Amino acid sequence: MGQRISSVATLVLILVIPMVTMGLVWPWTGPAASATLAPYLVGIVVQFAFEQYARYRKSPSWCAIPFIFQVYRLHQLNRAAQLVTALSSTVRGAEMTSHNMAIISSLGTLLNVLQSLGVICIWSLSSFLMRFIPSASTTMQ
């Protein structure tokens, strides 16, 4: 029961946080918000579709699907953070107006959200691995 609650809470967090962030920073960053967060959200939808298809087919490989997608999701978050960092350094090189300061602030928020999603993703991956890899104490008994 605890694992189910944890997995639902994680799913809600990894869906709600990017969508709310995209809505909040869109006025200042525009397409940069969708360029960083849309592939992440699409990856979640594709993972869910693959998992449902594997369960429908009763495939023994269903347990490998979350592992593969979690690792790729970490890669996506890393690439998105690189994009935000590059955009931020480009804007910092421009004249400091109130509009540019708002853009820098929203890019900073976007970077913080990407880092938070990375922590959630690592936590989710580690809890998934803990569930499917028996611990040393279990195997010694």
C-alpha atoms as a PDB file:
ATOM      1  CA  MET A   1       0.000   0.000   0.000  1.00  0.00           C
ATOM      2  CA  GLY A   2       2.827   2.410   0.860  1.00  0.00           C
ATOM      3  CA  GLN A   3       4.573   1.784  -2.464  1.00  0.00           C
ATOM      4  CA  ARG A   4       1.353   2.460  -4.352  1.00  0.00           C
ATOM      5  CA  ILE A   5       0.809   5.758  -2.533  1.00  0.00           C
ATOM      6  CA  SER A   6       4.431   6.696  -3.177  1.00  0.00           C
ATOM      7  CA  SER A   7       4.175   5.891  -6.874  1.00  0.00           C
ATOM      8  CA  VAL A   8       0.919   7.857  -7.296  1.00  0.00           C
ATOM      9  CA  ALA A   9       2.393  10.836  -5.412  1.00  0.00           C
ATOM     10  CA  THR A  10       5.484  10.714  -7.618  1.00  0.00           C
ATOM     11  CA  LEU A  11       3.356  10.556 -10.769  1.00  0.00           C
ATOM     12  CA  VAL A  12       1.308  13.546  -9.658  1.00  0.00           C
ATOM     13  CA  LEU A  13       4.458  15.535  -8.833  1.00  0.00           C
ATOM     14  CA  ILE A  14       6.227  14.759 -12.102  1.00  0.00           C
ATOM     15  CA  LEU A  15       3.143  15.804 -14.071  1.00  0.00           C
ATOM     16  CA  VAL A  16       1.897  18.814 -12.118  1.00  0.00           C
ATOM     17  CA  ILE A  17       5.220  20.546 -11.401  1.00  0.00           C
ATOM     18  CA  PRO A  18       6.300  20.904 -15.071  1.00  0.00           C
ATOM     19  CA  MET A  19       2.859  21.989 -16.264  1.00  0.00           C
ATOM     20  CA  VAL A  20       2.484  24.644 -13.551  1.00  0.00           C
ATOM     21  CA  THR A  21       6.040  25.849 -14.158  1.00  0.00           C
ATOM     22  CA  MET A  22       5.466  26.065 -17.890  1.00  0.00           C
ATOM     23  CA  GLY A  23       2.391  28.198 -17.276  1.00  0.00           C
ATOM     24  CA  LEU A  24       4.213  30.472 -14.840  1.00  0.00           C
ATOM     25  CA  VAL A  25       7.355  31.158 -16.867  1.00  0.00           C
ATOM     26  CA  TRP A  26       5.746  31.213 -20.333  1.00  0.00           C
ATOM     27  CA  PRO A  27       5.147  35.007 -20.393  1.00  0.00           C
ATOM     28  CA  TRP A  28       8.896  35.653 -20.080  1.00  0.00           C
ATOM     29  CA  THR A  29      10.578  32.651 -21.651  1.00  0.00           C
ATOM     30  CA  GLY A  30       8.014  31.733 -24.294  1.00  0.00           C
ATOM     31  CA  PRO A  31       9.021  28.711 -26.376  1.00  0.00           C
ATOM     32  CA  ALA A  32      12.045  28.025 -24.151  1.00  0.00           C
ATOM     33  CA  ALA A  33       9.698  26.724 -21.458  1.00  0.00           C
ATOM     34  CA  SER A  34       8.090  24.270 -23.831  1.00  0.00           C
ATOM     35  CA  ALA A  35      11.439  23.329 -25.374  1.00  0.00           C
ATOM     36  CA  THR A  36      12.713  22.297 -21.956  1.00  0.00           C
ATOM     37  CA  LEU A  37       9.626  20.707 -20.417  1.00  0.00           C
ATOM     38  CA  ALA A  38       7.571  19.325 -23.323  1.00  0.00           C
ATOM     39  CA  PRO A  39       9.949  16.426 -24.151  1.00  0.00           C
ATOM     40  CA  TYR A  40       9.908  15.489 -20.473  1.00  0.00           C
ATOM     41  CA  LEU A  41       6.106  15.400 -20.390  1.00  0.00           C
ATOM     42  CA  VAL A  42       5.886  13.513 -23.685  1.00  0.00           C
ATOM     43  CA  GLY A  43       8.325  10.943 -22.277  1.00  0.00           C
ATOM     44  CA  ILE A  44       6.024  10.359 -19.313  1.00  0.00           C
ATOM     45  CA  VAL A  45       3.042   9.800 -21.605  1.00  0.00           C
ATOM     46  CA  VAL A  46       5.028   7.435 -23.844  1.00  0.00           C
ATOM     47  CA  GLN A  47       6.259   5.496 -20.794  1.00  0.00           C
ATOM     48  CA  PHE A  48       2.686   5.098 -19.554  1.00  0.00           C
ATOM     49  CA  ALA A  49       1.596   3.863 -22.995  1.00  0.00           C
ATOM     50  CA  PHE A  50       4.438   1.340 -23.144  1.00  0.00           C
ATOM     51  CA  GLU A  51       3.640   0.076 -19.647  1.00  0.00           C
ATOM     52  CA  GLN A  52      -0.047  -0.340 -20.469  1.00  0.00           C
ATOM     53  CA  TYR A  53       0.761  -2.162 -23.701  1.00  0.00           C
ATOM     54  CA  ALA A  54       3.217  -4.477 -21.919  1.00  0.00           C
ATOM     55  CA  ARG A  55       0.637  -5.277 -19.263  1.00  0.00           C
ATOM     56  CA  TYR A  56      -2.011  -5.889 -21.915  1.00  0.00           C
ATOM     57  CA  ARG A  57       0.314  -8.291 -23.736  1.00  0.00           C
ATOM     58  CA  LYS A  58       1.394  -9.822 -20.385  1.00  0.00           C
ATOM     59  CA  SER A  59       4.992  -9.253 -21.404  1.00  0.00           C
ATOM     60  CA  PRO A  60       7.692 -10.329 -18.948  1.00  0.00           C
ATOM     61  CA  SER A  61       9.694  -7.259 -19.907  1.00  0.00           C
ATOM     62  CA  TRP A  62       7.255  -4.790 -18.334  1.00  0.00           C
ATOM     63  CA  CYS A  63       9.534  -4.275 -15.333  1.00  0.00           C
ATOM     64  CA  ALA A  64      12.371  -2.994 -17.563  1.00  0.00           C
ATOM     65  CA  ILE A  65      10.256  -0.225 -19.063  1.00  0.00           C
ATOM     66  CA  PRO A  66      10.339   2.178 -16.066  1.00  0.00           C
ATOM     67  CA  PHE A  67      14.081   1.700 -15.680  1.00  0.00           C
ATOM     68  CA  ILE A  68      14.771   2.573 -19.324  1.00  0.00           C
ATOM     69  CA  PHE A  69      12.469   5.593 -19.302  1.00  0.00           C
ATOM     70  CA  GLN A  70      13.757   6.907 -15.952  1.00  0.00           C
ATOM     71  CA  VAL A  71      17.339   6.865 -17.198  1.00  0.00           C
ATOM     72  CA  TYR A  72      16.301   8.605 -20.410  1.00  0.00           C
ATOM     73  CA  ARG A  73      14.259  11.126 -18.412  1.00  0.00           C
ATOM     74  CA  LEU A  74      17.402  12.022 -16.444  1.00  0.00           C
ATOM     75  CA  HIS A  75      19.163  12.566 -19.764  1.00  0.00           C
ATOM     76  CA  GLN A  76      16.298  14.817 -20.924  1.00  0.00           C
ATOM     77  CA  LEU A  77      16.495  16.860 -17.732  1.00  0.00           C
ATOM     78  CA  ASN A  78      20.248  17.247 -18.157  1.00  0.00           C
ATOM     79  CA  ARG A  79      19.840  18.486 -21.738  1.00  0.00           C
ATOM     80  CA  ALA A  80      17.073  20.862 -20.670  1.00  0.00           C
ATOM     81  CA  ALA A  81      19.288  22.255 -17.900  1.00  0.00           C
ATOM     82  CA  GLN A  82      22.077  22.799 -20.428  1.00  0.00           C
ATOM     83  CA  LEU A  83      19.651  24.698 -22.687  1.00  0.00           C
ATOM     84  CA  VAL A  84      18.407  26.887 -19.829  1.00  0.00           C
ATOM     85  CA  THR A  85      21.968  27.620 -18.715  1.00  0.00           C
ATOM     86  CA  ALA A  86      22.959  28.622 -22.256  1.00  0.00           C
ATOM     87  CA  LEU A  87      19.892  30.851 -22.618  1.00  0.00           C
ATOM     88  CA  SER A  88      20.574  32.417 -19.238  1.00  0.00           C
ATOM     89  CA  SER A  89      24.170  33.250 -20.111  1.00  0.00           C
ATOM     90  CA  THR A  90      23.029  34.734 -23.432  1.00  0.00           C
ATOM     91  CA  VAL A  91      20.510  36.995 -21.725  1.00  0.00           C
ATOM     92  CA  ARG A  92      23.069  38.012 -19.090  1.00  0.00           C
ATOM     93  CA  GLY A  93      25.304  39.241 -21.888  1.00  0.00           C
ATOM     94  CA  ALA A  94      22.604  41.655 -23.043  1.00  0.00           C
ATOM     95  CA  GLU A  95      21.723  45.022 -21.554  1.00  0.00           C
ATOM     96  CA  MET A  96      20.166  44.739 -18.091  1.00  0.00           C
ATOM     97  CA  THR A  97      16.636  46.013 -18.472  1.00  0.00           C
ATOM     98  CA  SER A  98      13.677  45.132 -16.279  1.00  0.00           C
ATOM     99  CA  HIS A  99      12.425  42.788 -19.004  1.00  0.00           C
ATOM    100  CA  ASN A 100      15.785  40.973 -19.203  1.00  0.00           C
ATOM    101  CA  MET A 101      15.878  40.709 -15.408  1.00  0.00           C
ATOM    102  CA  ALA A 102      12.427  39.066 -15.508  1.00  0.00           C
ATOM    103  CA  ILE A 103      13.669  36.641 -18.169  1.00  0.00           C
ATOM    104  CA  ILE A 104      16.737  35.768 -16.094  1.00  0.00           C
ATOM    105  CA  SER A 105      14.544  35.247 -13.044  1.00  0.00           C
ATOM    106  CA  SER A 106      12.156  32.955 -14.913  1.00  0.00           C
ATOM    107  CA  LEU A 107      15.070  30.984 -16.384  1.00  0.00           C
ATOM    108  CA  GLY A 108      16.436  30.586 -12.855  1.00  0.00           C
ATOM    109  CA  THR A 109      13.058  29.289 -11.726  1.00  0.00           C
ATOM    110  CA  LEU A 110      13.005  26.901 -14.669  1.00  0.00           C
ATOM    111  CA  LEU A 111      16.485  25.623 -13.777  1.00  0.00           C
ATOM    112  CA  ASN A 112      15.452  25.078 -10.144  1.00  0.00           C
ATOM    113  CA  VAL A 113      12.398  23.128 -11.275  1.00  0.00           C
ATOM    114  CA  LEU A 114      14.540  20.981 -13.586  1.00  0.00           C
ATOM    115  CA  GLN A 115      16.870  20.207 -10.684  1.00  0.00           C
ATOM    116  CA  SER A 116      13.910  19.340  -8.446  1.00  0.00           C
ATOM    117  CA  LEU A 117      12.508  17.047 -11.121  1.00  0.00           C
ATOM    118  CA  GLY A 118      15.931  15.418 -11.349  1.00  0.00           C
ATOM    119  CA  VAL A 119      15.896  14.702  -7.627  1.00  0.00           C
ATOM    120  CA  ILE A 120      12.382  13.258  -7.873  1.00  0.00           C
ATOM    121  CA  CYS A 121      13.451  11.162 -10.864  1.00  0.00           C
ATOM    122  CA  ILE A 122      16.511   9.790  -9.048  1.00  0.00           C
ATOM    123  CA  TRP A 123      14.386   9.033  -5.991  1.00  0.00           C
ATOM    124  CA  SER A 124      11.818   7.259  -8.155  1.00  0.00           C
ATOM    125  CA  LEU A 125      14.497   5.262  -9.953  1.00  0.00           C
ATOM    126  CA  SER A 126      16.158   4.222  -6.705  1.00  0.00           C
ATOM    127  CA  SER A 127      12.852   3.168  -5.140  1.00  0.00           C
ATOM    128  CA  PHE A 128      12.050   1.184  -8.287  1.00  0.00           C
ATOM    129  CA  LEU A 129      15.412  -0.572  -8.121  1.00  0.00           C
ATOM    130  CA  MET A 130      14.998  -1.266  -4.404  1.00  0.00           C
ATOM    131  CA  ARG A 131      11.699  -2.984  -5.140  1.00  0.00           C
ATOM    132  CA  PHE A 132      13.084  -5.295  -7.826  1.00  0.00           C
ATOM    133  CA  ILE A 133      16.625  -5.976  -6.641  1.00  0.00           C
ATOM    134  CA  PRO A 134      16.678  -8.119  -3.525  1.00  0.00           C
ATOM    135  CA  SER A 135      18.732  -6.750  -0.675  1.00  0.00           C
ATOM    136  CA  ALA A 136      21.796  -8.562   0.667  1.00  0.00           C
ATOM    137  CA  SER A 137      20.090  -9.297   3.970  1.00  0.00           C
ATOM    138  CA  THR A 138      17.232 -11.065   2.185  1.00  0.00           C
ATOM    139  CA  THR A 139      19.540 -13.225   0.097  1.00  0.00           C
ATOM    140  CA  MET A 140      21.719 -14.191   3.060  1.00  0.00           C
ATOM    141  CA  GLN A 141      18.737 -15.547   5.005  1.00  0.00           C
END
